[in-house]
Structures are given as C-alpha cells and as structure tokens.
Amino acid sequence: FREVAEEPRIPFEERVLHRDAHLLVVDKPHFLPVTPSGG
C-alpha cells in the first residue's frame, strides 16, 4: 500500500448522481484526483 506522509485534505466534496447494481456516477469537484498518483 502506497502512503503519503501528512497527505493534506482536499476541501471539496463529491456528489453522487446515480447508483445501481452496475454503475456509480459521481460529480467530481475540482482539484480531487480520480486515482492515486504523485502525492
């Protein structure tokens, strides 16, 4: 498991638009990465 020491909290929240058995659809805020990368 990759870890980042003292990783800062990104102060914006995602909003779930839809969720069913196959898909989860989300409104992603600015500045939030989708997957782990860099810091």
PDB file of all heavy atoms in Angstrom:
ATOM      1  N   PHE A   1       0.830  -1.199   0.000  1.00  0.00           N
ATOM      2  CA  PHE A   1       0.000   0.000   0.000  1.00  0.00           C
ATOM      3  C   PHE A   1       0.863   1.246   0.000  1.00  0.00           C
ATOM      4  O   PHE A   1       1.674   1.468   0.903  1.00  0.00           O
ATOM      5  CB  PHE A   1      -0.932   0.007   1.223  1.00  0.00           C
ATOM      6  CG  PHE A   1      -2.016  -1.030   1.146  1.00  0.00           C
ATOM      7  CD1 PHE A   1      -1.768  -2.330   1.549  1.00  0.00           C
ATOM      8  CD2 PHE A   1      -3.267  -0.711   0.644  1.00  0.00           C
ATOM      9  CE1 PHE A   1      -2.764  -3.298   1.471  1.00  0.00           C
ATOM     10  CE2 PHE A   1      -4.264  -1.676   0.559  1.00  0.00           C
ATOM     11  CZ  PHE A   1      -4.010  -2.971   0.976  1.00  0.00           C
ATOM     12  N   ARG A   2       0.704   2.055  -1.056  1.00  0.00           N
ATOM     13  CA  ARG A   2       1.394   3.334  -1.115  1.00  0.00           C
ATOM     14  C   ARG A   2       0.846   4.253  -0.037  1.00  0.00           C
ATOM     15  O   ARG A   2      -0.354   4.237   0.275  1.00  0.00           O
ATOM     16  CB  ARG A   2       1.212   3.997  -2.482  1.00  0.00           C
ATOM     17  CG  ARG A   2       1.838   3.256  -3.630  1.00  0.00           C
ATOM     18  CD  ARG A   2       1.592   3.980  -4.936  1.00  0.00           C
ATOM     19  NE  ARG A   2       2.188   5.306  -4.937  1.00  0.00           N
ATOM     20  CZ  ARG A   2       1.498   6.445  -5.036  1.00  0.00           C
ATOM     21  NH1 ARG A   2       0.193   6.421  -5.129  1.00  0.00           N
ATOM     22  NH2 ARG A   2       2.129   7.610  -5.038  1.00  0.00           N
ATOM     23  N   GLU A   3       1.718   5.069   0.534  1.00  0.00           N
ATOM     24  CA  GLU A   3       1.309   6.022   1.554  1.00  0.00           C
ATOM     25  C   GLU A   3       2.025   7.342   1.321  1.00  0.00           C
ATOM     26  O   GLU A   3       3.142   7.369   0.819  1.00  0.00           O
ATOM     27  CB  GLU A   3       1.644   5.497   2.952  1.00  0.00           C
ATOM     28  CG  GLU A   3       0.900   4.232   3.321  1.00  0.00           C
ATOM     29  CD  GLU A   3       1.330   3.694   4.684  1.00  0.00           C
ATOM     30  OE1 GLU A   3       2.528   3.731   4.979  1.00  0.00           O
ATOM     31  OE2 GLU A   3       0.439   3.254   5.429  1.00  0.00           O
ATOM     32  N   VAL A   4       1.367   8.416   1.699  1.00  0.00           N
ATOM     33  CA  VAL A   4       1.968   9.750   1.640  1.00  0.00           C
ATOM     34  C   VAL A   4       1.904  10.335   3.040  1.00  0.00           C
ATOM     35  O   VAL A   4       0.826  10.421   3.639  1.00  0.00           O
ATOM     36  CB  VAL A   4       1.229  10.662   0.652  1.00  0.00           C
ATOM     37  CG1 VAL A   4       1.809  12.073   0.695  1.00  0.00           C
ATOM     38  CG2 VAL A   4       1.333  10.096  -0.755  1.00  0.00           C
ATOM     39  N   ALA A   5       3.057  10.695   3.568  1.00  0.00           N
ATOM     40  CA  ALA A   5       3.090  11.264   4.921  1.00  0.00           C
ATOM     41  C   ALA A   5       2.381  12.611   4.941  1.00  0.00           C
ATOM     42  O   ALA A   5       2.609  13.464   4.080  1.00  0.00           O
ATOM     43  CB  ALA A   5       4.542  11.427   5.371  1.00  0.00           C
ATOM     44  N   GLU A   6       1.487  12.793   5.909  1.00  0.00           N
ATOM     45  CA  GLU A   6       0.780  14.057   6.117  1.00  0.00           C
ATOM     46  C   GLU A   6       0.081  14.521   4.834  1.00  0.00           C
ATOM     47  O   GLU A   6       0.195  15.670   4.427  1.00  0.00           O
ATOM     48  CB  GLU A   6       1.746  15.130   6.635  1.00  0.00           C
ATOM     49  CG  GLU A   6       2.408  14.757   7.951  1.00  0.00           C
ATOM     50  CD  GLU A   6       3.379  15.818   8.438  1.00  0.00           C
ATOM     51  OE1 GLU A   6       3.517  16.844   7.749  1.00  0.00           O
ATOM     52  OE2 GLU A   6       3.988  15.623   9.488  1.00  0.00           O
ATOM     53  N   GLU A   7      -0.639  13.620   4.211  1.00  0.00           N
ATOM     54  CA  GLU A   7      -1.375  13.976   2.995  1.00  0.00           C
ATOM     55  C   GLU A   7      -2.473  14.980   3.340  1.00  0.00           C
ATOM     56  O   GLU A   7      -3.308  14.727   4.210  1.00  0.00           O
ATOM     57  CB  GLU A   7      -1.991  12.720   2.377  1.00  0.00           C
ATOM     58  CG  GLU A   7      -2.681  12.966   1.057  1.00  0.00           C
ATOM     59  CD  GLU A   7      -3.194  11.679   0.424  1.00  0.00           C
ATOM     60  OE1 GLU A   7      -2.923  10.589   0.986  1.00  0.00           O
ATOM     61  OE2 GLU A   7      -3.868  11.766  -0.610  1.00  0.00           O
ATOM     62  N   PRO A   8      -2.495  16.147   2.670  1.00  0.00           N
ATOM     63  CA  PRO A   8      -3.489  17.171   3.017  1.00  0.00           C
ATOM     64  C   PRO A   8      -4.885  16.796   2.547  1.00  0.00           C
ATOM     65  O   PRO A   8      -5.058  16.114   1.543  1.00  0.00           O
ATOM     66  CB  PRO A   8      -2.982  18.415   2.272  1.00  0.00           C
ATOM     67  CG  PRO A   8      -2.218  17.867   1.106  1.00  0.00           C
ATOM     68  CD  PRO A   8      -1.587  16.592   1.594  1.00  0.00           C
ATOM     69  N   ARG A   9      -5.870  17.254   3.279  1.00  0.00           N
ATOM     70  CA  ARG A   9      -7.272  17.066   2.908  1.00  0.00           C
ATOM     71  C   ARG A   9      -7.654  18.056   1.815  1.00  0.00           C
ATOM     72  O   ARG A   9      -7.377  19.247   1.930  1.00  0.00           O
ATOM     73  CB  ARG A   9      -8.161  17.274   4.135  1.00  0.00           C
ATOM     74  CG  ARG A   9      -9.649  17.390   3.856  1.00  0.00           C
ATOM     75  CD  ARG A   9     -10.268  16.071   3.543  1.00  0.00           C
ATOM     76  NE  ARG A   9     -11.716  16.207   3.293  1.00  0.00           N
ATOM     77  CZ  ARG A   9     -12.494  15.221   2.880  1.00  0.00           C
ATOM     78  NH1 ARG A   9     -11.992  14.019   2.673  1.00  0.00           N
ATOM     79  NH2 ARG A   9     -13.771  15.424   2.680  1.00  0.00           N
ATOM     80  N   ILE A  10      -8.263  17.574   0.734  1.00  0.00           N
ATOM     81  CA  ILE A  10      -8.759  18.458  -0.320  1.00  0.00           C
ATOM     82  C   ILE A  10     -10.156  18.916   0.091  1.00  0.00           C
ATOM     83  O   ILE A  10     -11.054  18.089   0.281  1.00  0.00           O
ATOM     84  CB  ILE A  10      -8.772  17.728  -1.673  1.00  0.00           C
ATOM     85  CG1 ILE A  10      -7.334  17.406  -2.086  1.00  0.00           C
ATOM     86  CG2 ILE A  10      -9.460  18.581  -2.737  1.00  0.00           C
ATOM     87  CD1 ILE A  10      -7.210  16.595  -3.345  1.00  0.00           C
ATOM     88  N   PRO A  11     -10.367  20.224   0.244  1.00  0.00           N
ATOM     89  CA  PRO A  11     -11.593  20.723   0.902  1.00  0.00           C
ATOM     90  C   PRO A  11     -12.804  20.839  -0.013  1.00  0.00           C
ATOM     91  O   PRO A  11     -13.565  21.808   0.074  1.00  0.00           O
ATOM     92  CB  PRO A  11     -11.148  22.099   1.400  1.00  0.00           C
ATOM     93  CG  PRO A  11     -10.172  22.561   0.376  1.00  0.00           C
ATOM     94  CD  PRO A  11      -9.421  21.314  -0.058  1.00  0.00           C
ATOM     95  N   PHE A  12     -13.019  19.873  -0.880  1.00  0.00           N
ATOM     96  CA  PHE A  12     -14.181  19.873  -1.764  1.00  0.00           C
ATOM     97  C   PHE A  12     -14.779  18.472  -1.770  1.00  0.00           C
ATOM     98  O   PHE A  12     -14.045  17.489  -1.733  1.00  0.00           O
ATOM     99  CB  PHE A  12     -13.794  20.300  -3.181  1.00  0.00           C
ATOM    100  CG  PHE A  12     -13.117  21.647  -3.227  1.00  0.00           C
ATOM    101  CD1 PHE A  12     -11.737  21.724  -3.380  1.00  0.00           C
ATOM    102  CD2 PHE A  12     -13.840  22.814  -3.093  1.00  0.00           C
ATOM    103  CE1 PHE A  12     -11.098  22.948  -3.404  1.00  0.00           C
ATOM    104  CE2 PHE A  12     -13.206  24.050  -3.123  1.00  0.00           C
ATOM    105  CZ  PHE A  12     -11.835  24.115  -3.278  1.00  0.00           C
ATOM    106  N   GLU A  13     -16.107  18.410  -1.838  1.00  0.00           N
ATOM    107  CA  GLU A  13     -16.785  17.134  -1.712  1.00  0.00           C
ATOM    108  C   GLU A  13     -17.409  16.703  -3.038  1.00  0.00           C
ATOM    109  O   GLU A  13     -17.967  17.520  -3.776  1.00  0.00           O
ATOM    110  CB  GLU A  13     -17.887  17.224  -0.656  1.00  0.00           C
ATOM    111  CG  GLU A  13     -17.375  17.562   0.745  1.00  0.00           C
ATOM    112  CD  GLU A  13     -16.422  16.508   1.297  1.00  0.00           C
ATOM    113  OE1 GLU A  13     -16.627  15.313   0.991  1.00  0.00           O
ATOM    114  OE2 GLU A  13     -15.486  16.896   2.012  1.00  0.00           O
ATOM    115  N   GLU A  14     -17.322  15.418  -3.299  1.00  0.00           N
ATOM    116  CA  GLU A  14     -18.003  14.836  -4.449  1.00  0.00           C
ATOM    117  C   GLU A  14     -19.492  14.666  -4.144  1.00  0.00           C
ATOM    118  O   GLU A  14     -19.889  14.629  -2.978  1.00  0.00           O
ATOM    119  CB  GLU A  14     -17.397  13.476  -4.795  1.00  0.00           C
ATOM    120  CG  GLU A  14     -17.607  12.388  -3.753  1.00  0.00           C
ATOM    121  CD  GLU A  14     -16.659  12.455  -2.572  1.00  0.00           C
ATOM    122  OE1 GLU A  14     -15.814  13.370  -2.513  1.00  0.00           O
ATOM    123  OE2 GLU A  14     -16.778  11.595  -1.680  1.00  0.00           O
ATOM    124  N   ARG A  15     -20.311  14.553  -5.192  1.00  0.00           N
ATOM    125  CA  ARG A  15     -21.745  14.325  -5.020  1.00  0.00           C
ATOM    126  C   ARG A  15     -22.160  13.156  -5.892  1.00  0.00           C
ATOM    127  O   ARG A  15     -21.879  13.132  -7.087  1.00  0.00           O
ATOM    128  CB  ARG A  15     -22.550  15.572  -5.406  1.00  0.00           C
ATOM    129  CG  ARG A  15     -24.050  15.447  -5.139  1.00  0.00           C
ATOM    130  CD  ARG A  15     -24.727  16.796  -5.268  1.00  0.00           C
ATOM    131  NE  ARG A  15     -24.768  17.254  -6.647  1.00  0.00           N
ATOM    132  CZ  ARG A  15     -25.791  17.039  -7.481  1.00  0.00           C
ATOM    133  NH1 ARG A  15     -26.856  16.355  -7.061  1.00  0.00           N
ATOM    134  NH2 ARG A  15     -25.765  17.493  -8.708  1.00  0.00           N
ATOM    135  N   VAL A  16     -22.819  12.176  -5.291  1.00  0.00           N
ATOM    136  CA  VAL A  16     -23.272  11.006  -6.034  1.00  0.00           C
ATOM    137  C   VAL A  16     -24.521  11.366  -6.826  1.00  0.00           C
ATOM    138  O   VAL A  16     -25.512  11.849  -6.270  1.00  0.00           O
ATOM    139  CB  VAL A  16     -23.539   9.822  -5.088  1.00  0.00           C
ATOM    140  CG1 VAL A  16     -24.151   8.653  -5.846  1.00  0.00           C
ATOM    141  CG2 VAL A  16     -22.243   9.386  -4.413  1.00  0.00           C
ATOM    142  N   LEU A  17     -24.479  11.131  -8.140  1.00  0.00           N
ATOM    143  CA  LEU A  17     -25.602  11.417  -9.027  1.00  0.00           C
ATOM    144  C   LEU A  17     -26.498  10.204  -9.250  1.00  0.00           C
ATOM    145  O   LEU A  17     -27.704  10.350  -9.472  1.00  0.00           O
ATOM    146  CB  LEU A  17     -25.085  11.913 -10.378  1.00  0.00           C
ATOM    147  CG  LEU A  17     -24.217  13.178 -10.367  1.00  0.00           C
ATOM    148  CD1 LEU A  17     -23.675  13.446 -11.766  1.00  0.00           C
ATOM    149  CD2 LEU A  17     -25.028  14.373  -9.871  1.00  0.00           C
ATOM    150  N   HIS A  18     -25.902   8.995  -9.203  1.00  0.00           N
ATOM    151  CA  HIS A  18     -26.658   7.785  -9.524  1.00  0.00           C
ATOM    152  C   HIS A  18     -25.885   6.575  -9.017  1.00  0.00           C
ATOM    153  O   HIS A  18     -24.658   6.547  -9.052  1.00  0.00           O
ATOM    154  CB  HIS A  18     -26.860   7.679 -11.041  1.00  0.00           C
ATOM    155  CG  HIS A  18     -27.496   6.396 -11.468  1.00  0.00           C
ATOM    156  ND1 HIS A  18     -28.859   6.194 -11.427  1.00  0.00           N
ATOM    157  CD2 HIS A  18     -26.947   5.240 -11.960  1.00  0.00           C
ATOM    158  CE1 HIS A  18     -29.131   4.977 -11.876  1.00  0.00           C
ATOM    159  NE2 HIS A  18     -27.994   4.376 -12.192  1.00  0.00           N
ATOM    160  N   ARG A  19     -26.631   5.568  -8.562  1.00  0.00           N
ATOM    161  CA  ARG A  19     -26.014   4.322  -8.123  1.00  0.00           C
ATOM    162  C   ARG A  19     -26.978   3.183  -8.390  1.00  0.00           C
ATOM    163  O   ARG A  19     -28.128   3.214  -7.947  1.00  0.00           O
ATOM    164  CB  ARG A  19     -25.668   4.390  -6.630  1.00  0.00           C
ATOM    165  CG  ARG A  19     -24.906   3.188  -6.082  1.00  0.00           C
ATOM    166  CD  ARG A  19     -24.387   3.510  -4.684  1.00  0.00           C
ATOM    167  NE  ARG A  19     -23.664   2.396  -4.090  1.00  0.00           N
ATOM    168  CZ  ARG A  19     -24.088   1.693  -3.051  1.00  0.00           C
ATOM    169  NH1 ARG A  19     -25.262   1.992  -2.483  1.00  0.00           N
ATOM    170  NH2 ARG A  19     -23.366   0.712  -2.563  1.00  0.00           N
ATOM    171  N   ASP A  20     -26.516   2.195  -9.163  1.00  0.00           N
ATOM    172  CA  ASP A  20     -27.309   0.995  -9.381  1.00  0.00           C
ATOM    173  C   ASP A  20     -26.395  -0.218  -9.240  1.00  0.00           C
ATOM    174  O   ASP A  20     -25.274  -0.101  -8.748  1.00  0.00           O
ATOM    175  CB  ASP A  20     -28.035   1.033 -10.730  1.00  0.00           C
ATOM    176  CG  ASP A  20     -27.092   1.125 -11.929  1.00  0.00           C
ATOM    177  OD1 ASP A  20     -25.962   0.589 -11.860  1.00  0.00           O
ATOM    178  OD2 ASP A  20     -27.482   1.732 -12.951  1.00  0.00           O
ATOM    179  N   ALA A  21     -26.856  -1.380  -9.674  1.00  0.00           N
ATOM    180  CA  ALA A  21     -26.069  -2.597  -9.475  1.00  0.00           C
ATOM    181  C   ALA A  21     -24.762  -2.594 -10.262  1.00  0.00           C
ATOM    182  O   ALA A  21     -23.820  -3.297  -9.890  1.00  0.00           O
ATOM    183  CB  ALA A  21     -26.903  -3.816  -9.868  1.00  0.00           C
ATOM    184  N   HIS A  22     -24.693  -1.790 -11.323  1.00  0.00           N
ATOM    185  CA  HIS A  22     -23.530  -1.832 -12.209  1.00  0.00           C
ATOM    186  C   HIS A  22     -22.703  -0.558 -12.199  1.00  0.00           C
ATOM    187  O   HIS A  22     -21.484  -0.613 -12.384  1.00  0.00           O
ATOM    188  CB  HIS A  22     -23.986  -2.121 -13.639  1.00  0.00           C
ATOM    189  CG  HIS A  22     -24.773  -3.377 -13.781  1.00  0.00           C
ATOM    190  ND1 HIS A  22     -24.178  -4.623 -13.814  1.00  0.00           N
ATOM    191  CD2 HIS A  22     -26.116  -3.585 -13.868  1.00  0.00           C
ATOM    192  CE1 HIS A  22     -25.119  -5.547 -13.928  1.00  0.00           C
ATOM    193  NE2 HIS A  22     -26.292  -4.955 -13.951  1.00  0.00           N
ATOM    194  N   LEU A  23     -23.342   0.597 -11.987  1.00  0.00           N
ATOM    195  CA  LEU A  23     -22.669   1.879 -12.137  1.00  0.00           C
ATOM    196  C   LEU A  23     -22.787   2.740 -10.886  1.00  0.00           C
ATOM    197  O   LEU A  23     -23.802   2.702 -10.177  1.00  0.00           O
ATOM    198  CB  LEU A  23     -23.257   2.663 -13.316  1.00  0.00           C
ATOM    199  CG  LEU A  23     -23.065   2.103 -14.724  1.00  0.00           C
ATOM    200  CD1 LEU A  23     -23.810   2.975 -15.724  1.00  0.00           C
ATOM    201  CD2 LEU A  23     -21.588   1.992 -15.070  1.00  0.00           C
ATOM    202  N   LEU A  24     -21.739   3.516 -10.642  1.00  0.00           N
ATOM    203  CA  LEU A  24     -21.766   4.590  -9.661  1.00  0.00           C
ATOM    204  C   LEU A  24     -21.344   5.849 -10.412  1.00  0.00           C
ATOM    205  O   LEU A  24     -20.265   5.880 -11.011  1.00  0.00           O
ATOM    206  CB  LEU A  24     -20.801   4.298  -8.507  1.00  0.00           C
ATOM    207  CG  LEU A  24     -20.664   5.375  -7.430  1.00  0.00           C
ATOM    208  CD1 LEU A  24     -21.994   5.633  -6.740  1.00  0.00           C
ATOM    209  CD2 LEU A  24     -19.612   4.965  -6.402  1.00  0.00           C
ATOM    210  N   VAL A  25     -22.215   6.859 -10.430  1.00  0.00           N
ATOM    211  CA  VAL A  25     -21.963   8.080 -11.192  1.00  0.00           C
ATOM    212  C   VAL A  25     -21.812   9.231 -10.201  1.00  0.00           C
ATOM    213  O   VAL A  25     -22.670   9.428  -9.330  1.00  0.00           O
ATOM    214  CB  VAL A  25     -23.110   8.377 -12.177  1.00  0.00           C
ATOM    215  CG1 VAL A  25     -22.737   9.551 -13.082  1.00  0.00           C
ATOM    216  CG2 VAL A  25     -23.431   7.134 -13.011  1.00  0.00           C
ATOM    217  N   VAL A  26     -20.718   9.986 -10.340  1.00  0.00           N
ATOM    218  CA  VAL A  26     -20.351  10.982  -9.335  1.00  0.00           C
ATOM    219  C   VAL A  26     -20.022  12.308 -10.005  1.00  0.00           C
ATOM    220  O   VAL A  26     -19.444  12.345 -11.088  1.00  0.00           O
ATOM    221  CB  VAL A  26     -19.136  10.490  -8.521  1.00  0.00           C
ATOM    222  CG1 VAL A  26     -18.755  11.493  -7.439  1.00  0.00           C
ATOM    223  CG2 VAL A  26     -19.422   9.129  -7.894  1.00  0.00           C
ATOM    224  N   ASP A  27     -20.391  13.396  -9.340  1.00  0.00           N
ATOM    225  CA  ASP A  27     -19.972  14.741  -9.730  1.00  0.00           C
ATOM    226  C   ASP A  27     -18.654  15.017  -9.012  1.00  0.00           C
ATOM    227  O   ASP A  27     -18.637  15.241  -7.796  1.00  0.00           O
ATOM    228  CB  ASP A  27     -21.042  15.746  -9.303  1.00  0.00           C
ATOM    229  CG  ASP A  27     -21.369  16.755 -10.383  1.00  0.00           C
ATOM    230  OD1 ASP A  27     -20.671  16.777 -11.409  1.00  0.00           O
ATOM    231  OD2 ASP A  27     -22.331  17.532 -10.200  1.00  0.00           O
ATOM    232  N   LYS A  28     -17.556  14.987  -9.746  1.00  0.00           N
ATOM    233  CA  LYS A  28     -16.229  15.181  -9.156  1.00  0.00           C
ATOM    234  C   LYS A  28     -15.907  16.667  -9.007  1.00  0.00           C
ATOM    235  O   LYS A  28     -16.077  17.434  -9.951  1.00  0.00           O
ATOM    236  CB  LYS A  28     -15.158  14.523 -10.027  1.00  0.00           C
ATOM    237  CG  LYS A  28     -13.749  14.604  -9.427  1.00  0.00           C
ATOM    238  CD  LYS A  28     -12.692  14.100 -10.392  1.00  0.00           C
ATOM    239  CE  LYS A  28     -12.134  15.205 -11.256  1.00  0.00           C
ATOM    240  NZ  LYS A  28     -11.321  16.201 -10.498  1.00  0.00           N
ATOM    241  N   PRO A  29     -15.435  17.099  -7.845  1.00  0.00           N
ATOM    242  CA  PRO A  29     -15.047  18.506  -7.703  1.00  0.00           C
ATOM    243  C   PRO A  29     -13.677  18.776  -8.323  1.00  0.00           C
ATOM    244  O   PRO A  29     -12.903  17.848  -8.593  1.00  0.00           O
ATOM    245  CB  PRO A  29     -15.003  18.701  -6.189  1.00  0.00           C
ATOM    246  CG  PRO A  29     -14.626  17.348  -5.663  1.00  0.00           C
ATOM    247  CD  PRO A  29     -15.290  16.347  -6.586  1.00  0.00           C
ATOM    248  N   HIS A  30     -13.375  20.043  -8.545  1.00  0.00           N
ATOM    249  CA  HIS A  30     -12.043  20.438  -8.972  1.00  0.00           C
ATOM    250  C   HIS A  30     -11.011  20.022  -7.919  1.00  0.00           C
ATOM    251  O   HIS A  30     -11.323  19.893  -6.732  1.00  0.00           O
ATOM    252  CB  HIS A  30     -11.959  21.960  -9.134  1.00  0.00           C
ATOM    253  CG  HIS A  30     -12.806  22.492 -10.258  1.00  0.00           C
ATOM    254  ND1 HIS A  30     -12.468  22.350 -11.575  1.00  0.00           N
ATOM    255  CD2 HIS A  30     -13.984  23.175 -10.236  1.00  0.00           C
ATOM    256  CE1 HIS A  30     -13.391  22.934 -12.329  1.00  0.00           C
ATOM    257  NE2 HIS A  30     -14.322  23.429 -11.543  1.00  0.00           N
ATOM    258  N   PHE A  31      -9.779  19.811  -8.369  1.00  0.00           N
ATOM    259  CA  PHE A  31      -8.597  19.554  -7.529  1.00  0.00           C
ATOM    260  C   PHE A  31      -8.511  18.131  -6.978  1.00  0.00           C
ATOM    261  O   PHE A  31      -7.469  17.724  -6.464  1.00  0.00           O
ATOM    262  CB  PHE A  31      -8.506  20.547  -6.353  1.00  0.00           C
ATOM    263  CG  PHE A  31      -8.417  21.984  -6.760  1.00  0.00           C
ATOM    264  CD1 PHE A  31      -9.504  22.827  -6.646  1.00  0.00           C
ATOM    265  CD2 PHE A  31      -7.233  22.484  -7.289  1.00  0.00           C
ATOM    266  CE1 PHE A  31      -9.420  24.157  -7.033  1.00  0.00           C
ATOM    267  CE2 PHE A  31      -7.147  23.809  -7.679  1.00  0.00           C
ATOM    268  CZ  PHE A  31      -8.242  24.648  -7.555  1.00  0.00           C
ATOM    269  N   LEU A  32      -9.575  17.350  -7.056  1.00  0.00           N
ATOM    270  CA  LEU A  32      -9.556  15.995  -6.495  1.00  0.00           C
ATOM    271  C   LEU A  32      -9.142  14.991  -7.572  1.00  0.00           C
ATOM    272  O   LEU A  32      -9.833  14.857  -8.589  1.00  0.00           O
ATOM    273  CB  LEU A  32     -10.932  15.628  -5.946  1.00  0.00           C
ATOM    274  CG  LEU A  32     -11.040  14.276  -5.230  1.00  0.00           C
ATOM    275  CD1 LEU A  32     -10.227  14.282  -3.944  1.00  0.00           C
ATOM    276  CD2 LEU A  32     -12.508  13.942  -4.943  1.00  0.00           C
ATOM    277  N   PRO A  33      -8.018  14.264  -7.393  1.00  0.00           N
ATOM    278  CA  PRO A  33      -7.636  13.246  -8.377  1.00  0.00           C
ATOM    279  C   PRO A  33      -8.635  12.091  -8.375  1.00  0.00           C
ATOM    280  O   PRO A  33      -9.272  11.808  -7.362  1.00  0.00           O
ATOM    281  CB  PRO A  33      -6.258  12.768  -7.891  1.00  0.00           C
ATOM    282  CG  PRO A  33      -5.836  13.729  -6.837  1.00  0.00           C
ATOM    283  CD  PRO A  33      -7.073  14.329  -6.276  1.00  0.00           C
ATOM    284  N   VAL A  34      -8.754  11.421  -9.510  1.00  0.00           N
ATOM    285  CA  VAL A  34      -9.638  10.258  -9.579  1.00  0.00           C
ATOM    286  C   VAL A  34      -8.985   9.051  -8.928  1.00  0.00           C
ATOM    287  O   VAL A  34      -9.616   8.337  -8.145  1.00  0.00           O
ATOM    288  CB  VAL A  34     -10.017   9.950 -11.049  1.00  0.00           C
ATOM    289  CG1 VAL A  34     -10.802   8.626 -11.127  1.00  0.00           C
ATOM    290  CG2 VAL A  34     -10.853  11.076 -11.629  1.00  0.00           C
ATOM    291  N   THR A  35      -7.707   8.792  -9.228  1.00  0.00           N
ATOM    292  CA  THR A  35      -6.990   7.629  -8.707  1.00  0.00           C
ATOM    293  C   THR A  35      -5.673   8.076  -8.076  1.00  0.00           C
ATOM    294  O   THR A  35      -5.191   9.180  -8.340  1.00  0.00           O
ATOM    295  CB  THR A  35      -6.699   6.611  -9.823  1.00  0.00           C
ATOM    296  OG1 THR A  35      -5.953   7.263 -10.871  1.00  0.00           O
ATOM    297  CG2 THR A  35      -7.990   6.048 -10.394  1.00  0.00           C
ATOM    298  N   PRO A  36      -5.060   7.230  -7.245  1.00  0.00           N
ATOM    299  CA  PRO A  36      -3.787   7.600  -6.615  1.00  0.00           C
ATOM    300  C   PRO A  36      -2.701   7.921  -7.625  1.00  0.00           C
ATOM    301  O   PRO A  36      -2.513   7.212  -8.615  1.00  0.00           O
ATOM    302  CB  PRO A  36      -3.426   6.348  -5.797  1.00  0.00           C
ATOM    303  CG  PRO A  36      -4.740   5.706  -5.509  1.00  0.00           C
ATOM    304  CD  PRO A  36      -5.576   5.945  -6.744  1.00  0.00           C
ATOM    305  N   SER A  37      -1.982   9.007  -7.370  1.00  0.00           N
ATOM    306  CA  SER A  37      -0.839   9.400  -8.196  1.00  0.00           C
ATOM    307  C   SER A  37      -0.065  10.477  -7.459  1.00  0.00           C
ATOM    308  O   SER A  37      -0.647  11.264  -6.711  1.00  0.00           O
ATOM    309  CB  SER A  37      -1.294   9.927  -9.567  1.00  0.00           C
ATOM    310  OG  SER A  37      -2.051  11.102  -9.422  1.00  0.00           O
ATOM    311  N   GLY A  38       1.254  10.494  -7.676  1.00  0.00           N
ATOM    312  CA  GLY A  38       2.076  11.516  -7.047  1.00  0.00           C
ATOM    313  C   GLY A  38       1.885  11.553  -5.542  1.00  0.00           C
ATOM    314  O   GLY A  38       2.022  10.548  -4.851  1.00  0.00           O
ATOM    315  N   GLY A  39       1.529  12.734  -5.022  1.00  0.00           N
ATOM    316  CA  GLY A  39       1.356  12.895  -3.592  1.00  0.00           C
ATOM    317  C   GLY A  39      -0.049  12.625  -3.105  1.00  0.00           C
ATOM    318  O   GLY A  39      -0.387  12.981  -1.967  1.00  0.00           O
TER     319      GLY A  39
END
